[in-house]
Amino acid sequence: QGQFVESGGGSVQAGGPLRLSCVAPRRMILSTFWGAQTAWYRQCPATQRELVASIGSGGKTNYTESVKGRFTISRDNAKKTVHLQMNSLKREDTAVYYCNLVPQYRTYWGQGAQVTVSS
């Protein structure tokens, strides 16, 4: 397929953890994945899609201010996967989470993973 495939979403109580994973598009070869800056984005009905966390080919990470200290992005180049460990979840984290590159590539958007945090 031509999109990232996200998994691991679900419902969780505030303060709890959740781990998301995504697999790069099947047609993306290993070397391309290795050289790409990969990222997790999120979107809720009332907001624009925003960049949550990114990780570069060399392992450098960046996070949006609201998740710093709580979320950790990682990647497994051999498996062409990207992970997002989310701890101390807040109700405001409720959204659909997507993987893509930085900059985002339109055709790579998948179905996303719904994360619902209840208080």
PDB file of N, CA and C in Angstrom:
ATOM      1  N   GLN A   1       0.832  -1.198   0.000  1.00  0.00           N
ATOM      2  CA  GLN A   1       0.000   0.000   0.000  1.00  0.00           C
ATOM      3  C   GLN A   1       0.870   1.253   0.000  1.00  0.00           C
ATOM      4  N   GLY A   2       0.207   2.390  -0.191  1.00  0.00           N
ATOM      5  CA  GLY A   2       0.948   3.626  -0.326  1.00  0.00           C
ATOM      6  C   GLY A   2       0.855   4.572   0.851  1.00  0.00           C
ATOM      7  N   GLN A   3       0.340   4.091   1.976  1.00  0.00           N
ATOM      8  CA  GLN A   3       0.184   4.937   3.147  1.00  0.00           C
ATOM      9  C   GLN A   3       0.842   4.325   4.377  1.00  0.00           C
ATOM     10  N   PHE A   4       1.131   5.177   5.334  1.00  0.00           N
ATOM     11  CA  PHE A   4       1.526   4.685   6.641  1.00  0.00           C
ATOM     12  C   PHE A   4       0.335   3.974   7.268  1.00  0.00           C
ATOM     13  N   VAL A   5       0.619   2.963   8.087  1.00  0.00           N
ATOM     14  CA  VAL A   5      -0.414   2.224   8.790  1.00  0.00           C
ATOM     15  C   VAL A   5      -0.170   2.353  10.280  1.00  0.00           C
ATOM     16  N   GLU A   6      -1.094   3.009  10.958  1.00  0.00           N
ATOM     17  CA  GLU A   6      -0.976   3.266  12.384  1.00  0.00           C
ATOM     18  C   GLU A   6      -1.744   2.228  13.186  1.00  0.00           C
ATOM     19  N   SER A   7      -1.260   1.954  14.379  1.00  0.00           N
ATOM     20  CA  SER A   7      -1.922   1.014  15.271  1.00  0.00           C
ATOM     21  C   SER A   7      -1.621   1.383  16.717  1.00  0.00           C
ATOM     22  N   GLY A   8      -2.375   0.796  17.621  1.00  0.00           N
ATOM     23  CA  GLY A   8      -2.133   0.991  19.036  1.00  0.00           C
ATOM     24  C   GLY A   8      -3.038   1.983  19.726  1.00  0.00           C
ATOM     25  N   GLY A   9      -3.947   2.578  18.981  1.00  0.00           N
ATOM     26  CA  GLY A   9      -4.853   3.529  19.588  1.00  0.00           C
ATOM     27  C   GLY A   9      -5.859   2.850  20.499  1.00  0.00           C
ATOM     28  N   GLY A  10      -6.557   3.655  21.258  1.00  0.00           N
ATOM     29  CA  GLY A  10      -7.554   3.130  22.166  1.00  0.00           C
ATOM     30  C   GLY A  10      -7.985   4.165  23.165  1.00  0.00           C
ATOM     31  N   SER A  11      -8.703   3.709  24.159  1.00  0.00           N
ATOM     32  CA  SER A  11      -9.180   4.574  25.231  1.00  0.00           C
ATOM     33  C   SER A  11      -8.368   4.332  26.483  1.00  0.00           C
ATOM     34  N   VAL A  12      -8.050   5.400  27.166  1.00  0.00           N
ATOM     35  CA  VAL A  12      -7.235   5.300  28.365  1.00  0.00           C
ATOM     36  C   VAL A  12      -7.653   6.385  29.350  1.00  0.00           C
ATOM     37  N   GLN A  13      -7.495   6.087  30.624  1.00  0.00           N
ATOM     38  CA  GLN A  13      -7.768   7.076  31.648  1.00  0.00           C
ATOM     39  C   GLN A  13      -6.651   8.107  31.694  1.00  0.00           C
ATOM     40  N   ALA A  14      -7.002   9.318  32.048  1.00  0.00           N
ATOM     41  CA  ALA A  14      -6.000  10.362  32.193  1.00  0.00           C
ATOM     42  C   ALA A  14      -4.902   9.908  33.142  1.00  0.00           C
ATOM     43  N   GLY A  15      -3.676  10.208  32.762  1.00  0.00           N
ATOM     44  CA  GLY A  15      -2.533   9.794  33.551  1.00  0.00           C
ATOM     45  C   GLY A  15      -1.922   8.490  33.104  1.00  0.00           C
ATOM     46  N   GLY A  16      -2.627   7.756  32.288  1.00  0.00           N
ATOM     47  CA  GLY A  16      -2.150   6.467  31.847  1.00  0.00           C
ATOM     48  C   GLY A  16      -1.283   6.534  30.613  1.00  0.00           C
ATOM     49  N   PRO A  17      -0.710   5.396  30.228  1.00  0.00           N
ATOM     50  CA  PRO A  17       0.160   5.328  29.057  1.00  0.00           C
ATOM     51  C   PRO A  17      -0.530   4.678  27.864  1.00  0.00           C
ATOM     52  N   LEU A  18       0.027   4.942  26.717  1.00  0.00           N
ATOM     53  CA  LEU A  18      -0.400   4.292  25.494  1.00  0.00           C
ATOM     54  C   LEU A  18       0.774   4.325  24.534  1.00  0.00           C
ATOM     55  N   ARG A  19       0.921   3.290  23.750  1.00  0.00           N
ATOM     56  CA  ARG A  19       2.017   3.222  22.792  1.00  0.00           C
ATOM     57  C   ARG A  19       1.464   3.027  21.390  1.00  0.00           C
ATOM     58  N   LEU A  20       1.809   3.934  20.514  1.00  0.00           N
ATOM     59  CA  LEU A  20       1.387   3.870  19.129  1.00  0.00           C
ATOM     60  C   LEU A  20       2.531   3.385  18.250  1.00  0.00           C
ATOM     61  N   SER A  21       2.180   2.716  17.182  1.00  0.00           N
ATOM     62  CA  SER A  21       3.168   2.258  16.222  1.00  0.00           C
ATOM     63  C   SER A  21       2.654   2.524  14.824  1.00  0.00           C
ATOM     64  N   CYS A  22       3.557   2.688  13.896  1.00  0.00           N
ATOM     65  CA  CYS A  22       3.155   2.779  12.506  1.00  0.00           C
ATOM     66  C   CYS A  22       4.220   2.147  11.632  1.00  0.00           C
ATOM     67  N   VAL A  23       3.763   1.644  10.510  1.00  0.00           N
ATOM     68  CA  VAL A  23       4.632   1.017   9.533  1.00  0.00           C
ATOM     69  C   VAL A  23       4.613   1.870   8.276  1.00  0.00           C
ATOM     70  N   ALA A  24       5.770   2.110   7.729  1.00  0.00           N
ATOM     71  CA  ALA A  24       5.884   2.927   6.534  1.00  0.00           C
ATOM     72  C   ALA A  24       5.223   2.257   5.339  1.00  0.00           C
ATOM     73  N   PRO A  25       4.845   3.041   4.332  1.00  0.00           N
ATOM     74  CA  PRO A  25       4.256   2.460   3.134  1.00  0.00           C
ATOM     75  C   PRO A  25       5.112   1.343   2.574  1.00  0.00           C
ATOM     76  N   ARG A  26       4.463   0.291   2.131  1.00  0.00           N
ATOM     77  CA  ARG A  26       5.185  -0.872   1.632  1.00  0.00           C
ATOM     78  C   ARG A  26       6.146  -0.537   0.511  1.00  0.00           C
ATOM     79  N   ARG A  27       5.799   0.415  -0.326  1.00  0.00           N
ATOM     80  CA  ARG A  27       6.626   0.756  -1.467  1.00  0.00           C
ATOM     81  C   ARG A  27       7.848   1.592  -1.092  1.00  0.00           C
ATOM     82  N   MET A  28       7.908   2.079   0.124  1.00  0.00           N
ATOM     83  CA  MET A  28       9.053   2.852   0.566  1.00  0.00           C
ATOM     84  C   MET A  28      10.208   1.910   0.889  1.00  0.00           C
ATOM     85  N   ILE A  29      11.302   2.053   0.159  1.00  0.00           N
ATOM     86  CA  ILE A  29      12.424   1.162   0.385  1.00  0.00           C
ATOM     87  C   ILE A  29      13.178   1.563   1.645  1.00  0.00           C
ATOM     88  N   LEU A  30      13.977   0.644   2.142  1.00  0.00           N
ATOM     89  CA  LEU A  30      14.660   0.841   3.400  1.00  0.00           C
ATOM     90  C   LEU A  30      15.533   2.090   3.417  1.00  0.00           C
ATOM     91  N   SER A  31      16.292   2.305   2.350  1.00  0.00           N
ATOM     92  CA  SER A  31      17.189   3.452   2.318  1.00  0.00           C
ATOM     93  C   SER A  31      16.422   4.770   2.357  1.00  0.00           C
ATOM     94  N   THR A  32      15.256   4.797   1.734  1.00  0.00           N
ATOM     95  CA  THR A  32      14.429   5.991   1.758  1.00  0.00           C
ATOM     96  C   THR A  32      13.935   6.269   3.171  1.00  0.00           C
ATOM     97  N   PHE A  33      13.489   5.223   3.842  1.00  0.00           N
ATOM     98  CA  PHE A  33      13.033   5.369   5.214  1.00  0.00           C
ATOM     99  C   PHE A  33      14.175   5.866   6.109  1.00  0.00           C
ATOM    100  N   TRP A  34      15.334   5.285   5.947  1.00  0.00           N
ATOM    101  CA  TRP A  34      16.490   5.673   6.756  1.00  0.00           C
ATOM    102  C   TRP A  34      16.811   7.151   6.623  1.00  0.00           C
ATOM    103  N   GLY A  35      16.668   7.685   5.429  1.00  0.00           N
ATOM    104  CA  GLY A  35      17.032   9.067   5.186  1.00  0.00           C
ATOM    105  C   GLY A  35      15.954  10.082   5.495  1.00  0.00           C
ATOM    106  N   ALA A  36      14.788   9.617   5.871  1.00  0.00           N
ATOM    107  CA  ALA A  36      13.649  10.498   6.071  1.00  0.00           C
ATOM    108  C   ALA A  36      13.503  10.937   7.521  1.00  0.00           C
ATOM    109  N   GLN A  37      12.978  12.132   7.684  1.00  0.00           N
ATOM    110  CA  GLN A  37      12.544  12.590   8.996  1.00  0.00           C
ATOM    111  C   GLN A  37      11.098  12.149   9.152  1.00  0.00           C
ATOM    112  N   THR A  38      10.848  11.267  10.088  1.00  0.00           N
ATOM    113  CA  THR A  38       9.514  10.722  10.291  1.00  0.00           C
ATOM    114  C   THR A  38       8.856  11.388  11.486  1.00  0.00           C
ATOM    115  N   ALA A  39       7.535  11.337  11.516  1.00  0.00           N
ATOM    116  CA  ALA A  39       6.841  12.110  12.527  1.00  0.00           C
ATOM    117  C   ALA A  39       5.470  11.546  12.856  1.00  0.00           C
ATOM    118  N   TRP A  40       5.004  11.941  14.012  1.00  0.00           N
ATOM    119  CA  TRP A  40       3.623  11.728  14.414  1.00  0.00           C
ATOM    120  C   TRP A  40       2.905  13.070  14.413  1.00  0.00           C
ATOM    121  N   TYR A  41       1.750  13.087  13.801  1.00  0.00           N
ATOM    122  CA  TYR A  41       0.865  14.232  13.788  1.00  0.00           C
ATOM    123  C   TYR A  41      -0.430  13.841  14.495  1.00  0.00           C
ATOM    124  N   ARG A  42      -1.221  14.815  14.874  1.00  0.00           N
ATOM    125  CA  ARG A  42      -2.526  14.514  15.432  1.00  0.00           C
ATOM    126  C   ARG A  42      -3.540  15.565  15.011  1.00  0.00           C
ATOM    127  N   GLN A  43      -4.798  15.150  15.037  1.00  0.00           N
ATOM    128  CA  GLN A  43      -5.872  16.034  14.631  1.00  0.00           C
ATOM    129  C   GLN A  43      -7.149  15.682  15.384  1.00  0.00           C
ATOM    130  N   CYS A  44      -7.828  16.687  15.866  1.00  0.00           N
ATOM    131  CA  CYS A  44      -9.148  16.509  16.451  1.00  0.00           C
ATOM    132  C   CYS A  44     -10.133  17.291  15.590  1.00  0.00           C
ATOM    133  N   PRO A  45     -11.432  17.034  15.738  1.00  0.00           N
ATOM    134  CA  PRO A  45     -12.415  17.689  14.864  1.00  0.00           C
ATOM    135  C   PRO A  45     -12.345  19.206  14.854  1.00  0.00           C
ATOM    136  N   ALA A  46     -11.986  19.803  15.972  1.00  0.00           N
ATOM    137  CA  ALA A  46     -11.987  21.256  16.080  1.00  0.00           C
ATOM    138  C   ALA A  46     -10.639  21.901  15.782  1.00  0.00           C
ATOM    139  N   THR A  47      -9.647  21.109  15.447  1.00  0.00           N
ATOM    140  CA  THR A  47      -8.310  21.650  15.251  1.00  0.00           C
ATOM    141  C   THR A  47      -7.709  21.236  13.917  1.00  0.00           C
ATOM    142  N   GLN A  48      -6.706  21.988  13.509  1.00  0.00           N
ATOM    143  CA  GLN A  48      -5.914  21.616  12.359  1.00  0.00           C
ATOM    144  C   GLN A  48      -4.958  20.497  12.768  1.00  0.00           C
ATOM    145  N   ARG A  49      -4.526  19.737  11.807  1.00  0.00           N
ATOM    146  CA  ARG A  49      -3.543  18.709  12.094  1.00  0.00           C
ATOM    147  C   ARG A  49      -2.237  19.371  12.517  1.00  0.00           C
ATOM    148  N   GLU A  50      -1.665  18.894  13.598  1.00  0.00           N
ATOM    149  CA  GLU A  50      -0.443  19.472  14.112  1.00  0.00           C
ATOM    150  C   GLU A  50       0.650  18.429  14.244  1.00  0.00           C
ATOM    151  N   LEU A  51       1.866  18.891  14.139  1.00  0.00           N
ATOM    152  CA  LEU A  51       3.023  18.030  14.333  1.00  0.00           C
ATOM    153  C   LEU A  51       3.234  17.825  15.824  1.00  0.00           C
ATOM    154  N   VAL A  52       3.278  16.573  16.241  1.00  0.00           N
ATOM    155  CA  VAL A  52       3.444  16.240  17.654  1.00  0.00           C
ATOM    156  C   VAL A  52       4.901  15.950  17.977  1.00  0.00           C
ATOM    157  N   ALA A  53       5.513  15.108  17.176  1.00  0.00           N
ATOM    158  CA  ALA A  53       6.889  14.704  17.419  1.00  0.00           C
ATOM    159  C   ALA A  53       7.514  14.247  16.125  1.00  0.00           C
ATOM    160  N   SER A  54       8.800  14.453  15.996  1.00  0.00           N
ATOM    161  CA  SER A  54       9.512  14.002  14.818  1.00  0.00           C
ATOM    162  C   SER A  54      10.858  13.429  15.224  1.00  0.00           C
ATOM    163  N   ILE A  55      11.382  12.588  14.365  1.00  0.00           N
ATOM    164  CA  ILE A  55      12.697  12.010  14.600  1.00  0.00           C
ATOM    165  C   ILE A  55      13.424  11.929  13.273  1.00  0.00           C
ATOM    166  N   GLY A  56      14.620  12.468  13.245  1.00  0.00           N
ATOM    167  CA  GLY A  56      15.399  12.514  12.028  1.00  0.00           C
ATOM    168  C   GLY A  56      16.173  11.237  11.780  1.00  0.00           C
ATOM    169  N   SER A  57      16.818  11.201  10.634  1.00  0.00           N
ATOM    170  CA  SER A  57      17.574  10.014  10.257  1.00  0.00           C
ATOM    171  C   SER A  57      18.709   9.715  11.227  1.00  0.00           C
ATOM    172  N   GLY A  58      19.233  10.756  11.859  1.00  0.00           N
ATOM    173  CA  GLY A  58      20.302  10.581  12.824  1.00  0.00           C
ATOM    174  C   GLY A  58      19.835  10.404  14.252  1.00  0.00           C
ATOM    175  N   GLY A  59      18.524  10.383  14.449  1.00  0.00           N
ATOM    176  CA  GLY A  59      17.971  10.168  15.771  1.00  0.00           C
ATOM    177  C   GLY A  59      17.588  11.423  16.531  1.00  0.00           C
ATOM    178  N   LYS A  60      17.807  12.583  15.938  1.00  0.00           N
ATOM    179  CA  LYS A  60      17.435  13.824  16.608  1.00  0.00           C
ATOM    180  C   LYS A  60      15.921  13.936  16.694  1.00  0.00           C
ATOM    181  N   THR A  61      15.419  14.253  17.874  1.00  0.00           N
ATOM    182  CA  THR A  61      13.981  14.334  18.091  1.00  0.00           C
ATOM    183  C   THR A  61      13.533  15.752  18.368  1.00  0.00           C
ATOM    184  N   ASN A  62      12.296  16.016  18.026  1.00  0.00           N
ATOM    185  CA  ASN A  62      11.657  17.289  18.314  1.00  0.00           C
ATOM    186  C   ASN A  62      10.229  17.014  18.756  1.00  0.00           C
ATOM    187  N   TYR A  63       9.758  17.811  19.692  1.00  0.00           N
ATOM    188  CA  TYR A  63       8.419  17.646  20.227  1.00  0.00           C
ATOM    189  C   TYR A  63       7.714  18.979  20.319  1.00  0.00           C
ATOM    190  N   THR A  64       6.416  18.942  20.112  1.00  0.00           N
ATOM    191  CA  THR A  64       5.644  20.134  20.373  1.00  0.00           C
ATOM    192  C   THR A  64       5.633  20.358  21.882  1.00  0.00           C
ATOM    193  N   GLU A  65       5.581  21.602  22.279  1.00  0.00           N
ATOM    194  CA  GLU A  65       5.748  21.963  23.684  1.00  0.00           C
ATOM    195  C   GLU A  65       4.796  21.217  24.616  1.00  0.00           C
ATOM    196  N   SER A  66       3.583  21.012  24.207  1.00  0.00           N
ATOM    197  CA  SER A  66       2.581  20.425  25.081  1.00  0.00           C
ATOM    198  C   SER A  66       2.837  18.965  25.450  1.00  0.00           C
ATOM    199  N   VAL A  67       3.715  18.284  24.721  1.00  0.00           N
ATOM    200  CA  VAL A  67       3.969  16.870  25.008  1.00  0.00           C
ATOM    201  C   VAL A  67       5.376  16.610  25.516  1.00  0.00           C
ATOM    202  N   LYS A  68       6.195  17.624  25.587  1.00  0.00           N
ATOM    203  CA  LYS A  68       7.566  17.446  26.057  1.00  0.00           C
ATOM    204  C   LYS A  68       7.589  16.862  27.463  1.00  0.00           C
ATOM    205  N   GLY A  69       8.426  15.864  27.637  1.00  0.00           N
ATOM    206  CA  GLY A  69       8.532  15.208  28.924  1.00  0.00           C
ATOM    207  C   GLY A  69       7.539  14.092  29.127  1.00  0.00           C
ATOM    208  N   ARG A  70       6.569  13.978  28.239  1.00  0.00           N
ATOM    209  CA  ARG A  70       5.550  12.941  28.367  1.00  0.00           C
ATOM    210  C   ARG A  70       5.572  11.936  27.218  1.00  0.00           C
ATOM    211  N   PHE A  71       5.886  12.410  26.021  1.00  0.00           N
ATOM    212  CA  PHE A  71       5.897  11.551  24.842  1.00  0.00           C
ATOM    213  C   PHE A  71       7.326  11.289  24.398  1.00  0.00           C
ATOM    214  N   THR A  72       7.557  10.109  23.859  1.00  0.00           N
ATOM    215  CA  THR A  72       8.855   9.759  23.315  1.00  0.00           C
ATOM    216  C   THR A  72       8.673   9.105  21.952  1.00  0.00           C
ATOM    217  N   ILE A  73       9.294   9.681  20.945  1.00  0.00           N
ATOM    218  CA  ILE A  73       9.241   9.110  19.612  1.00  0.00           C
ATOM    219  C   ILE A  73      10.502   8.287  19.379  1.00  0.00           C
ATOM    220  N   SER A  74      10.351   7.183  18.688  1.00  0.00           N
ATOM    221  CA  SER A  74      11.482   6.342  18.358  1.00  0.00           C
ATOM    222  C   SER A  74      11.236   5.691  17.005  1.00  0.00           C
ATOM    223  N   ARG A  75      12.270   5.120  16.448  1.00  0.00           N
ATOM    224  CA  ARG A  75      12.134   4.481  15.151  1.00  0.00           C
ATOM    225  C   ARG A  75      12.969   3.221  15.095  1.00  0.00           C
ATOM    226  N   ASP A  76      12.516   2.275  14.310  1.00  0.00           N
ATOM    227  CA  ASP A  76      13.235   1.042  14.055  1.00  0.00           C
ATOM    228  C   ASP A  76      13.447   0.991  12.555  1.00  0.00           C
ATOM    229  N   ASN A  77      14.636   1.359  12.129  1.00  0.00           N
ATOM    230  CA  ASN A  77      14.906   1.454  10.701  1.00  0.00           C
ATOM    231  C   ASN A  77      14.798   0.112   9.979  1.00  0.00           C
ATOM    232  N   ALA A  78      15.221  -0.950  10.648  1.00  0.00           N
ATOM    233  CA  ALA A  78      15.174  -2.265  10.024  1.00  0.00           C
ATOM    234  C   ALA A  78      13.747  -2.698   9.726  1.00  0.00           C
ATOM    235  N   LYS A  79      12.818  -2.290  10.583  1.00  0.00           N
ATOM    236  CA  LYS A  79      11.419  -2.667  10.415  1.00  0.00           C
ATOM    237  C   LYS A  79      10.587  -1.583   9.752  1.00  0.00           C
ATOM    238  N   LYS A  80      11.213  -0.449   9.459  1.00  0.00           N
ATOM    239  CA  LYS A  80      10.525   0.705   8.879  1.00  0.00           C
ATOM    240  C   LYS A  80       9.311   1.098   9.709  1.00  0.00           C
ATOM    241  N   THR A  81       9.524   1.156  11.008  1.00  0.00           N
ATOM    242  CA  THR A  81       8.441   1.520  11.904  1.00  0.00           C
ATOM    243  C   THR A  81       8.813   2.730  12.750  1.00  0.00           C
ATOM    244  N   VAL A  82       7.791   3.422  13.204  1.00  0.00           N
ATOM    245  CA  VAL A  82       7.940   4.566  14.090  1.00  0.00           C
ATOM    246  C   VAL A  82       7.004   4.356  15.266  1.00  0.00           C
ATOM    247  N   HIS A  83       7.478   4.684  16.451  1.00  0.00           N
ATOM    248  CA  HIS A  83       6.684   4.483  17.651  1.00  0.00           C
ATOM    249  C   HIS A  83       6.517   5.795  18.406  1.00  0.00           C
ATOM    250  N   LEU A  84       5.450   5.865  19.144  1.00  0.00           N
ATOM    251  CA  LEU A  84       5.218   7.005  20.015  1.00  0.00           C
ATOM    252  C   LEU A  84       4.741   6.479  21.360  1.00  0.00           C
ATOM    253  N   GLN A  85       5.617   6.563  22.345  1.00  0.00           N
ATOM    254  CA  GLN A  85       5.256   6.191  23.701  1.00  0.00           C
ATOM    255  C   GLN A  85       4.668   7.410  24.383  1.00  0.00           C
ATOM    256  N   MET A  86       3.432   7.314  24.800  1.00  0.00           N
ATOM    257  CA  MET A  86       2.737   8.420  25.424  1.00  0.00           C
ATOM    258  C   MET A  86       2.475   8.079  26.877  1.00  0.00           C
ATOM    259  N   ASN A  87       2.992   8.896  27.752  1.00  0.00           N
ATOM    260  CA  ASN A  87       2.794   8.719  29.184  1.00  0.00           C
ATOM    261  C   ASN A  87       2.077   9.933  29.751  1.00  0.00           C
ATOM    262  N   SER A  88       1.533   9.751  30.923  1.00  0.00           N
ATOM    263  CA  SER A  88       0.829  10.833  31.617  1.00  0.00           C
ATOM    264  C   SER A  88      -0.158  11.532  30.696  1.00  0.00           C
ATOM    265  N   LEU A  89      -0.955  10.745  30.038  1.00  0.00           N
ATOM    266  CA  LEU A  89      -1.885  11.296  29.059  1.00  0.00           C
ATOM    267  C   LEU A  89      -2.904  12.226  29.693  1.00  0.00           C
ATOM    268  N   LYS A  90      -3.232  13.258  28.958  1.00  0.00           N
ATOM    269  CA  LYS A  90      -4.203  14.246  29.379  1.00  0.00           C
ATOM    270  C   LYS A  90      -5.393  14.222  28.435  1.00  0.00           C
ATOM    271  N   ARG A  91      -6.517  14.718  28.914  1.00  0.00           N
ATOM    272  CA  ARG A  91      -7.707  14.763  28.087  1.00  0.00           C
ATOM    273  C   ARG A  91      -7.455  15.536  26.792  1.00  0.00           C
ATOM    274  N   GLU A  92      -6.607  16.539  26.865  1.00  0.00           N
ATOM    275  CA  GLU A  92      -6.287  17.346  25.695  1.00  0.00           C
ATOM    276  C   GLU A  92      -5.515  16.586  24.619  1.00  0.00           C
ATOM    277  N   ASP A  93      -5.006  15.406  24.957  1.00  0.00           N
ATOM    278  CA  ASP A  93      -4.288  14.595  23.984  1.00  0.00           C
ATOM    279  C   ASP A  93      -5.224  13.803  23.084  1.00  0.00           C
ATOM    280  N   THR A  94      -6.505  13.812  23.394  1.00  0.00           N
ATOM    281  CA  THR A  94      -7.476  13.090  22.581  1.00  0.00           C
ATOM    282  C   THR A  94      -7.445  13.598  21.148  1.00  0.00           C
ATOM    283  N   ALA A  95      -7.235  12.690  20.215  1.00  0.00           N
ATOM    284  CA  ALA A  95      -7.115  13.056  18.807  1.00  0.00           C
ATOM    285  C   ALA A  95      -6.920  11.788  17.993  1.00  0.00           C
ATOM    286  N   VAL A  96      -6.910  11.963  16.692  1.00  0.00           N
ATOM    287  CA  VAL A  96      -6.493  10.899  15.799  1.00  0.00           C
ATOM    288  C   VAL A  96      -5.028  11.156  15.466  1.00  0.00           C
ATOM    289  N   TYR A  97      -4.205  10.155  15.651  1.00  0.00           N
ATOM    290  CA  TYR A  97      -2.772  10.283  15.458  1.00  0.00           C
ATOM    291  C   TYR A  97      -2.347   9.625  14.152  1.00  0.00           C
ATOM    292  N   TYR A  98      -1.500  10.321  13.417  1.00  0.00           N
ATOM    293  CA  TYR A  98      -1.054   9.868  12.113  1.00  0.00           C
ATOM    294  C   TYR A  98       0.467   9.902  12.004  1.00  0.00           C
ATOM    295  N   CYS A  99       0.993   9.024  11.189  1.00  0.00           N
ATOM    296  CA  CYS A  99       2.403   9.093  10.818  1.00  0.00           C
ATOM    297  C   CYS A  99       2.547   9.747   9.455  1.00  0.00           C
ATOM    298  N   ASN A 100       3.646  10.416   9.267  1.00  0.00           N
ATOM    299  CA  ASN A 100       4.014  10.953   7.975  1.00  0.00           C
ATOM    300  C   ASN A 100       5.462  11.413   8.062  1.00  0.00           C
ATOM    301  N   LEU A 101       5.923  12.044   7.008  1.00  0.00           N
ATOM    302  CA  LEU A 101       7.259  12.592   6.973  1.00  0.00           C
ATOM    303  C   LEU A 101       7.232  14.069   7.310  1.00  0.00           C
ATOM    304  N   VAL A 102       8.394  14.651   7.454  1.00  0.00           N
ATOM    305  CA  VAL A 102       8.541  16.085   7.590  1.00  0.00           C
ATOM    306  C   VAL A 102       9.434  16.565   6.455  1.00  0.00           C
ATOM    307  N   PRO A 103       8.920  17.370   5.553  1.00  0.00           N
ATOM    308  CA  PRO A 103       7.548  17.846   5.484  1.00  0.00           C
ATOM    309  C   PRO A 103       6.570  16.738   5.125  1.00  0.00           C
ATOM    310  N   GLN A 104       5.322  16.948   5.469  1.00  0.00           N
ATOM    311  CA  GLN A 104       4.301  15.944   5.221  1.00  0.00           C
ATOM    312  C   GLN A 104       4.122  15.687   3.735  1.00  0.00           C
ATOM    313  N   TYR A 105       3.777  14.469   3.414  1.00  0.00           N
ATOM    314  CA  TYR A 105       3.572  14.044   2.045  1.00  0.00           C
ATOM    315  C   TYR A 105       2.132  13.599   1.914  1.00  0.00           C
ATOM    316  N   ARG A 106       1.382  14.282   1.111  1.00  0.00           N
ATOM    317  CA  ARG A 106      -0.064  14.111   1.057  1.00  0.00           C
ATOM    318  C   ARG A 106      -0.532  12.670   0.885  1.00  0.00           C
ATOM    319  N   THR A 107       0.076  11.950  -0.022  1.00  0.00           N
ATOM    320  CA  THR A 107      -0.403  10.606  -0.323  1.00  0.00           C
ATOM    321  C   THR A 107      -0.055   9.577   0.751  1.00  0.00           C
ATOM    322  N   TYR A 108       0.761   9.960   1.727  1.00  0.00           N
ATOM    323  CA  TYR A 108       1.155   9.027   2.775  1.00  0.00           C
ATOM    324  C   TYR A 108       0.180   8.964   3.943  1.00  0.00           C
ATOM    325  N   TRP A 109      -0.775   9.879   4.015  1.00  0.00           N
ATOM    326  CA  TRP A 109      -1.716   9.869   5.132  1.00  0.00           C
ATOM    327  C   TRP A 109      -2.518   8.578   5.164  1.00  0.00           C
ATOM    328  N   GLY A 110      -2.516   7.917   6.313  1.00  0.00           N
ATOM    329  CA  GLY A 110      -3.277   6.695   6.483  1.00  0.00           C
ATOM    330  C   GLY A 110      -4.573   6.949   7.223  1.00  0.00           C
ATOM    331  N   GLN A 111      -5.092   5.911   7.853  1.00  0.00           N
ATOM    332  CA  GLN A 111      -6.351   6.030   8.580  1.00  0.00           C
ATOM    333  C   GLN A 111      -6.187   6.649   9.960  1.00  0.00           C
ATOM    334  N   GLY A 112      -4.990   6.574  10.493  1.00  0.00           N
ATOM    335  CA  GLY A 112      -4.728   7.121  11.805  1.00  0.00           C
ATOM    336  C   GLY A 112      -5.151   6.185  12.921  1.00  0.00           C
ATOM    337  N   ALA A 113      -4.742   6.533  14.115  1.00  0.00           N
ATOM    338  CA  ALA A 113      -5.095   5.779  15.311  1.00  0.00           C
ATOM    339  C   ALA A 113      -5.811   6.705  16.277  1.00  0.00           C
ATOM    340  N   GLN A 114      -7.018   6.344  16.649  1.00  0.00           N
ATOM    341  CA  GLN A 114      -7.798   7.155  17.574  1.00  0.00           C
ATOM    342  C   GLN A 114      -7.305   6.959  18.994  1.00  0.00           C
ATOM    343  N   VAL A 115      -7.004   8.058  19.647  1.00  0.00           N
ATOM    344  CA  VAL A 115      -6.626   8.042  21.051  1.00  0.00           C
ATOM    345  C   VAL A 115      -7.655   8.865  21.810  1.00  0.00           C
ATOM    346  N   THR A 116      -8.294   8.238  22.773  1.00  0.00           N
ATOM    347  CA  THR A 116      -9.294   8.913  23.581  1.00  0.00           C
ATOM    348  C   THR A 116      -8.882   8.834  25.041  1.00  0.00           C
ATOM    349  N   VAL A 117      -8.713   9.986  25.645  1.00  0.00           N
ATOM    350  CA  VAL A 117      -8.298  10.063  27.040  1.00  0.00           C
ATOM    351  C   VAL A 117      -9.459  10.601  27.857  1.00  0.00           C
ATOM    352  N   SER A 118      -9.868   9.846  28.842  1.00  0.00           N
ATOM    353  CA  SER A 118     -10.976  10.249  29.690  1.00  0.00           C
ATOM    354  C   SER A 118     -10.470  10.629  31.073  1.00  0.00           C
ATOM    355  N   SER A 119     -11.188  11.508  31.719  1.00  0.00           N
ATOM    356  CA  SER A 119     -10.808  11.957  33.047  1.00  0.00           C
ATOM    357  C   SER A 119     -11.777  11.464  34.095  1.00  0.00           C
TER     358      SER A 119
END
